[in-house]
Structures are given as C-alpha cells and as structure tokens.
Amino acid sequence: MKFQALLSLLLIICTTLCVAQGSYGNCCLGHVKRMRANAIDNIESYRIQETDGDCNIRAVVFTMKSTPTRKKQRTVCADPDKKWVKKLKEAVDAREKISRR
C-alpha cells in the first residue's frame, strides 16, 4: 500500500512539472541589449508580450524573416521601454503602412 501511494505521488509530481515546463513555450524570458544593423533589416513583424497569463516579463517580440539557410523564423525579445526598441517598432509600422498601399 505504501509503495502504491509513493508511486502515485511521484507520478503526480512528474506530471505537474511537465505541464509547468511546457507553459512558457511562447514567452520571452529575457531581453537583448541591442541588435546588429543587418538584423534590423530582416524584421518581418512584432508583437507585444504582456505580463499576463504565463509570461513573466513585458517584451516586444520581433519576428525575423526566414532565410534559405534558416527555414524556421527566429524571434528576438527586447525591452519595450528602451528608446531604440520604440524607434524600431515605428520603422516596422511605417514599412507595413507603405507595403499596404
């Protein structure tokens, strides 16, 4: 009986840890301090991450264009309060506005 109780408790703990680990899949866990100039030209879009739900920090998540050598799109997280991040968001917005015309 003690063995079954211990096994059940162990199973519950492992399940809980696995679920908690997977909940941060789309969250930024830190910010970059700056971006290289050539990386800035490859930004496709951005989204705002707020501190609600599973995410612990506010961030601007920039999505980079995929390249022939890198099929998967890369994301870069930046601090939304930094001046360079605000300017970069404005540049992406202006580029999207021009492309819609």
N, C-alpha and C. Protein backbone atom coordinates (compact mmCIF):
# COMPACT_ATOMS: atom_id res chain seq x y z
N MET A 1 0.82 -1.19 0.00
CA MET A 1 0.00 0.00 0.00
C MET A 1 0.87 1.27 0.00
N LYS A 2 1.93 1.25 0.81
CA LYS A 2 2.81 2.42 0.88
C LYS A 2 3.50 2.64 -0.47
N PHE A 3 3.89 1.54 -1.13
CA PHE A 3 4.55 1.65 -2.42
C PHE A 3 3.63 2.27 -3.46
N GLN A 4 2.35 1.89 -3.46
CA GLN A 4 1.38 2.44 -4.42
C GLN A 4 1.15 3.93 -4.17
N ALA A 5 1.08 4.31 -2.91
CA ALA A 5 0.89 5.72 -2.58
C ALA A 5 2.10 6.54 -3.01
N LEU A 6 3.31 6.01 -2.78
CA LEU A 6 4.53 6.70 -3.17
C LEU A 6 4.62 6.81 -4.69
N LEU A 7 4.26 5.75 -5.39
CA LEU A 7 4.28 5.76 -6.85
C LEU A 7 3.27 6.76 -7.41
N SER A 8 2.09 6.80 -6.82
CA SER A 8 1.06 7.76 -7.26
C SER A 8 1.52 9.19 -7.04
N LEU A 9 2.12 9.46 -5.90
CA LEU A 9 2.62 10.80 -5.59
C LEU A 9 3.72 11.20 -6.57
N LEU A 10 4.62 10.28 -6.87
CA LEU A 10 5.69 10.54 -7.82
C LEU A 10 5.15 10.83 -9.21
N LEU A 11 4.15 10.08 -9.62
CA LEU A 11 3.51 10.29 -10.93
C LEU A 11 2.84 11.67 -11.00
N ILE A 12 2.17 12.08 -9.95
CA ILE A 12 1.51 13.39 -9.91
C ILE A 12 2.55 14.51 -9.98
N ILE A 13 3.64 14.38 -9.27
CA ILE A 13 4.68 15.41 -9.28
C ILE A 13 5.31 15.52 -10.67
N CYS A 14 5.61 14.39 -11.29
CA CYS A 14 6.21 14.41 -12.64
C CYS A 14 5.27 15.05 -13.66
N THR A 15 4.00 14.72 -13.58
CA THR A 15 3.00 15.29 -14.49
C THR A 15 2.90 16.79 -14.31
N THR A 16 2.87 17.24 -13.07
CA THR A 16 2.78 18.67 -12.78
C THR A 16 4.00 19.42 -13.32
N LEU A 17 5.18 18.87 -13.13
CA LEU A 17 6.39 19.52 -13.62
C LEU A 17 6.42 19.58 -15.14
N CYS A 18 5.96 18.55 -15.80
CA CYS A 18 5.94 18.54 -17.27
C CYS A 18 4.97 19.59 -17.81
N VAL A 19 3.83 19.73 -17.20
CA VAL A 19 2.85 20.72 -17.63
C VAL A 19 3.37 22.13 -17.39
N ALA A 20 3.99 22.36 -16.25
CA ALA A 20 4.53 23.69 -15.92
C ALA A 20 5.67 24.06 -16.87
N GLN A 21 6.47 23.10 -17.25
CA GLN A 21 7.59 23.37 -18.14
C GLN A 21 7.11 23.79 -19.51
N GLY A 22 6.05 23.20 -20.02
CA GLY A 22 5.56 23.50 -21.36
C GLY A 22 4.78 24.78 -21.47
N SER A 23 4.43 25.41 -20.37
CA SER A 23 3.57 26.58 -20.43
C SER A 23 4.31 27.85 -20.87
N TYR A 24 5.65 27.84 -20.89
CA TYR A 24 6.41 29.02 -21.27
C TYR A 24 6.89 28.95 -22.72
N GLY A 25 6.23 28.17 -23.55
CA GLY A 25 6.67 27.96 -24.93
C GLY A 25 6.76 29.23 -25.75
N ASN A 26 5.84 30.17 -25.61
CA ASN A 26 5.82 31.38 -26.42
C ASN A 26 6.18 32.63 -25.64
N CYS A 27 6.84 32.48 -24.51
CA CYS A 27 7.17 33.63 -23.67
C CYS A 27 8.66 33.95 -23.75
N CYS A 28 8.95 35.25 -23.69
CA CYS A 28 10.33 35.69 -23.59
C CYS A 28 10.76 35.59 -22.14
N LEU A 29 11.96 35.13 -21.93
CA LEU A 29 12.49 35.02 -20.58
C LEU A 29 13.56 36.07 -20.30
N GLY A 30 13.92 36.86 -21.33
CA GLY A 30 14.92 37.91 -21.16
C GLY A 30 14.91 38.84 -22.37
N HIS A 31 15.67 39.92 -22.27
CA HIS A 31 15.75 40.93 -23.33
C HIS A 31 17.15 40.97 -23.93
N VAL A 32 17.23 41.29 -25.22
CA VAL A 32 18.53 41.60 -25.83
C VAL A 32 18.84 43.06 -25.54
N LYS A 33 20.12 43.39 -25.49
CA LYS A 33 20.52 44.78 -25.22
C LYS A 33 20.54 45.61 -26.48
N ARG A 34 20.85 44.97 -27.62
CA ARG A 34 20.87 45.67 -28.90
C ARG A 34 20.79 44.62 -30.01
N MET A 35 20.59 45.13 -31.23
CA MET A 35 20.55 44.25 -32.40
C MET A 35 21.55 44.76 -33.42
N ARG A 36 22.11 43.83 -34.18
CA ARG A 36 23.03 44.23 -35.26
C ARG A 36 22.25 44.95 -36.35
N ALA A 37 22.92 45.80 -37.08
CA ALA A 37 22.27 46.59 -38.13
C ALA A 37 21.67 45.71 -39.21
N ASN A 38 22.33 44.64 -39.61
CA ASN A 38 21.77 43.79 -40.66
C ASN A 38 20.58 42.98 -40.15
N ALA A 39 20.50 42.74 -38.86
CA ALA A 39 19.35 42.03 -38.30
C ALA A 39 18.10 42.92 -38.33
N ILE A 40 18.29 44.20 -38.19
CA ILE A 40 17.17 45.14 -38.19
C ILE A 40 16.44 45.10 -39.53
N ASP A 41 17.19 44.96 -40.63
CA ASP A 41 16.58 44.90 -41.96
C ASP A 41 15.76 43.63 -42.17
N ASN A 42 16.01 42.61 -41.37
CA ASN A 42 15.32 41.33 -41.54
C ASN A 42 14.09 41.17 -40.65
N ILE A 43 13.68 42.22 -39.97
CA ILE A 43 12.50 42.12 -39.11
C ILE A 43 11.26 42.11 -39.99
N GLU A 44 10.43 41.12 -39.76
CA GLU A 44 9.20 40.96 -40.53
C GLU A 44 8.01 41.60 -39.80
N SER A 45 7.92 41.37 -38.50
CA SER A 45 6.81 41.90 -37.72
C SER A 45 7.19 41.88 -36.24
N TYR A 46 6.28 42.34 -35.41
CA TYR A 46 6.49 42.28 -33.96
C TYR A 46 5.15 42.10 -33.27
N ARG A 47 5.23 41.66 -32.02
CA ARG A 47 4.05 41.57 -31.17
C ARG A 47 4.47 42.00 -29.77
N ILE A 48 3.48 42.40 -28.98
CA ILE A 48 3.74 42.84 -27.62
C ILE A 48 3.42 41.70 -26.67
N GLN A 49 4.35 41.39 -25.78
CA GLN A 49 4.11 40.39 -24.75
C GLN A 49 3.88 41.11 -23.43
N GLU A 50 2.75 40.88 -22.83
CA GLU A 50 2.43 41.49 -21.53
C GLU A 50 2.67 40.49 -20.42
N THR A 51 2.64 40.96 -19.21
CA THR A 51 2.87 40.09 -18.05
C THR A 51 1.56 39.51 -17.55
N ASP A 52 0.83 38.88 -18.44
CA ASP A 52 -0.40 38.22 -18.03
C ASP A 52 -0.32 36.75 -18.39
N GLY A 53 -1.08 35.95 -17.73
CA GLY A 53 -1.05 34.53 -18.03
C GLY A 53 0.27 33.90 -17.63
N ASP A 54 0.94 33.25 -18.58
CA ASP A 54 2.16 32.50 -18.27
C ASP A 54 3.44 33.33 -18.35
N CYS A 55 3.40 34.49 -18.98
CA CYS A 55 4.62 35.26 -19.23
C CYS A 55 4.94 36.18 -18.05
N ASN A 56 6.22 36.23 -17.69
CA ASN A 56 6.63 36.97 -16.51
C ASN A 56 7.20 38.36 -16.79
N ILE A 57 7.56 38.66 -18.04
CA ILE A 57 8.15 39.97 -18.34
C ILE A 57 7.43 40.60 -19.54
N ARG A 58 7.42 41.95 -19.55
CA ARG A 58 6.92 42.67 -20.72
C ARG A 58 8.02 42.67 -21.76
N ALA A 59 7.63 42.50 -23.02
CA ALA A 59 8.64 42.48 -24.08
C ALA A 59 7.99 42.80 -25.42
N VAL A 60 8.82 43.28 -26.34
CA VAL A 60 8.45 43.37 -27.74
C VAL A 60 9.14 42.19 -28.41
N VAL A 61 8.35 41.34 -29.05
CA VAL A 61 8.90 40.14 -29.68
C VAL A 61 8.96 40.38 -31.18
N PHE A 62 10.17 40.58 -31.70
CA PHE A 62 10.37 40.81 -33.12
C PHE A 62 10.49 39.46 -33.83
N THR A 63 9.78 39.29 -34.93
CA THR A 63 9.88 38.09 -35.74
C THR A 63 10.75 38.40 -36.95
N MET A 64 11.79 37.60 -37.12
CA MET A 64 12.73 37.81 -38.22
C MET A 64 12.28 37.01 -39.44
N LYS A 65 12.63 37.51 -40.63
CA LYS A 65 12.33 36.79 -41.87
C LYS A 65 13.12 35.50 -41.92
N SER A 66 12.50 34.47 -42.46
CA SER A 66 13.24 33.23 -42.64
C SER A 66 14.14 33.37 -43.87
N THR A 67 15.22 32.63 -43.88
CA THR A 67 16.18 32.66 -44.98
C THR A 67 16.31 31.26 -45.56
N PRO A 68 16.91 31.13 -46.74
CA PRO A 68 17.08 29.77 -47.30
C PRO A 68 17.89 28.85 -46.39
N THR A 69 18.84 29.40 -45.65
CA THR A 69 19.64 28.56 -44.76
C THR A 69 18.94 28.31 -43.43
N ARG A 70 18.03 29.20 -43.04
CA ARG A 70 17.31 29.03 -41.78
C ARG A 70 15.82 29.05 -42.08
N LYS A 71 15.23 27.88 -42.14
CA LYS A 71 13.81 27.75 -42.51
C LYS A 71 12.89 28.25 -41.40
N LYS A 72 13.28 28.04 -40.17
CA LYS A 72 12.43 28.43 -39.04
C LYS A 72 12.59 29.92 -38.75
N GLN A 73 11.48 30.59 -38.50
CA GLN A 73 11.55 32.01 -38.16
C GLN A 73 12.12 32.17 -36.76
N ARG A 74 12.99 33.14 -36.61
CA ARG A 74 13.61 33.41 -35.33
C ARG A 74 12.91 34.58 -34.67
N THR A 75 12.83 34.58 -33.36
CA THR A 75 12.26 35.70 -32.62
C THR A 75 13.32 36.29 -31.72
N VAL A 76 13.21 37.61 -31.53
CA VAL A 76 14.13 38.35 -30.66
C VAL A 76 13.28 39.18 -29.71
N CYS A 77 13.59 39.09 -28.43
CA CYS A 77 12.82 39.80 -27.40
C CYS A 77 13.59 41.03 -26.95
N ALA A 78 12.89 42.15 -26.85
CA ALA A 78 13.53 43.41 -26.46
C ALA A 78 12.67 44.14 -25.43
N ASP A 79 13.31 45.00 -24.67
CA ASP A 79 12.64 45.77 -23.62
C ASP A 79 11.79 46.87 -24.27
N PRO A 80 10.47 46.88 -24.04
CA PRO A 80 9.61 47.87 -24.68
C PRO A 80 9.83 49.30 -24.22
N ASP A 81 10.54 49.50 -23.12
CA ASP A 81 10.77 50.85 -22.61
C ASP A 81 12.02 51.50 -23.19
N LYS A 82 12.84 50.76 -23.90
CA LYS A 82 14.07 51.30 -24.48
C LYS A 82 13.75 52.15 -25.71
N LYS A 83 14.51 53.23 -25.89
CA LYS A 83 14.28 54.15 -27.00
C LYS A 83 14.50 53.48 -28.35
N TRP A 84 15.53 52.65 -28.48
CA TRP A 84 15.82 52.00 -29.77
C TRP A 84 14.73 51.02 -30.17
N VAL A 85 14.08 50.42 -29.17
CA VAL A 85 13.00 49.47 -29.46
C VAL A 85 11.77 50.23 -29.97
N LYS A 86 11.49 51.37 -29.36
CA LYS A 86 10.36 52.19 -29.82
C LYS A 86 10.58 52.68 -31.25
N LYS A 87 11.80 53.10 -31.57
CA LYS A 87 12.11 53.55 -32.93
C LYS A 87 11.99 52.40 -33.92
N LEU A 88 12.40 51.24 -33.51
CA LEU A 88 12.33 50.06 -34.37
C LEU A 88 10.88 49.67 -34.63
N LYS A 89 10.05 49.75 -33.63
CA LYS A 89 8.62 49.48 -33.81
C LYS A 89 8.01 50.47 -34.80
N GLU A 90 8.37 51.75 -34.67
CA GLU A 90 7.86 52.77 -35.59
C GLU A 90 8.32 52.49 -37.02
N ALA A 91 9.56 52.05 -37.17
CA ALA A 91 10.08 51.75 -38.51
C ALA A 91 9.34 50.56 -39.13
N VAL A 92 9.06 49.55 -38.35
CA VAL A 92 8.32 48.39 -38.86
C VAL A 92 6.90 48.80 -39.22
N ASP A 93 6.26 49.63 -38.37
CA ASP A 93 4.91 50.12 -38.67
C ASP A 93 4.88 50.93 -39.95
N ALA A 94 5.88 51.80 -40.14
CA ALA A 94 5.94 52.61 -41.36
C ALA A 94 6.15 51.75 -42.59
N ARG A 95 7.00 50.74 -42.48
CA ARG A 95 7.24 49.83 -43.60
C ARG A 95 5.97 49.06 -43.97
N GLU A 96 5.21 48.61 -42.96
CA GLU A 96 3.96 47.91 -43.22
C GLU A 96 2.93 48.84 -43.85
N LYS A 97 2.91 50.09 -43.42
CA LYS A 97 1.96 51.05 -43.95
C LYS A 97 2.24 51.30 -45.44
N ILE A 98 3.51 51.40 -45.79
CA ILE A 98 3.89 51.60 -47.20
C ILE A 98 3.55 50.38 -48.03
N SER A 99 3.78 49.20 -47.50
CA SER A 99 3.52 47.98 -48.28
C SER A 99 2.04 47.71 -48.48
N ARG A 100 1.18 48.27 -47.67
CA ARG A 100 -0.27 48.10 -47.81
C ARG A 100 -0.83 48.91 -48.98
N ARG A 101 -0.12 49.93 -49.40
CA ARG A 101 -0.63 50.82 -50.45
C ARG A 101 -0.64 50.16 -51.77
